[in-house]
């Protein structure tokens, strides 16, 4: 038929498979600082991790690294993106929220922003 090409019996068609990029982190959300009615603890940040619903699930993430990636106006080292690094310390409550401590306290403009929970250091 017109438009069809026949391939010989000995010839094999090389198919190039395009790989999807692999995400090596879990998506998280910065909820805010740990607080009580009148006190705010700026050094502790609360995070919600996608797919984590129980305290037992949250315990697996203890010790994992957290990256808050944001965009700044001024370019430094040919990039406008900056990163604030932290570490997950423990669970907070029974619904899968975790407490994290960052090297520098998270600014309030980051509340509600996404963060990346890295899969390292691994304890498996």
Foldseek 3Di string as FASTA:
>chain_A
DPPDDDDDPPDDDDDDDDDDDDDQWWKKAWAAFDADPPDTDQQKTKMATPPFFFQVSLAQQAFWKKWDKDAADDDDPNGRIDIWIWGWHGADDTGNMTIIGTPDGDDPVRRGPMMTTGCPPHPD
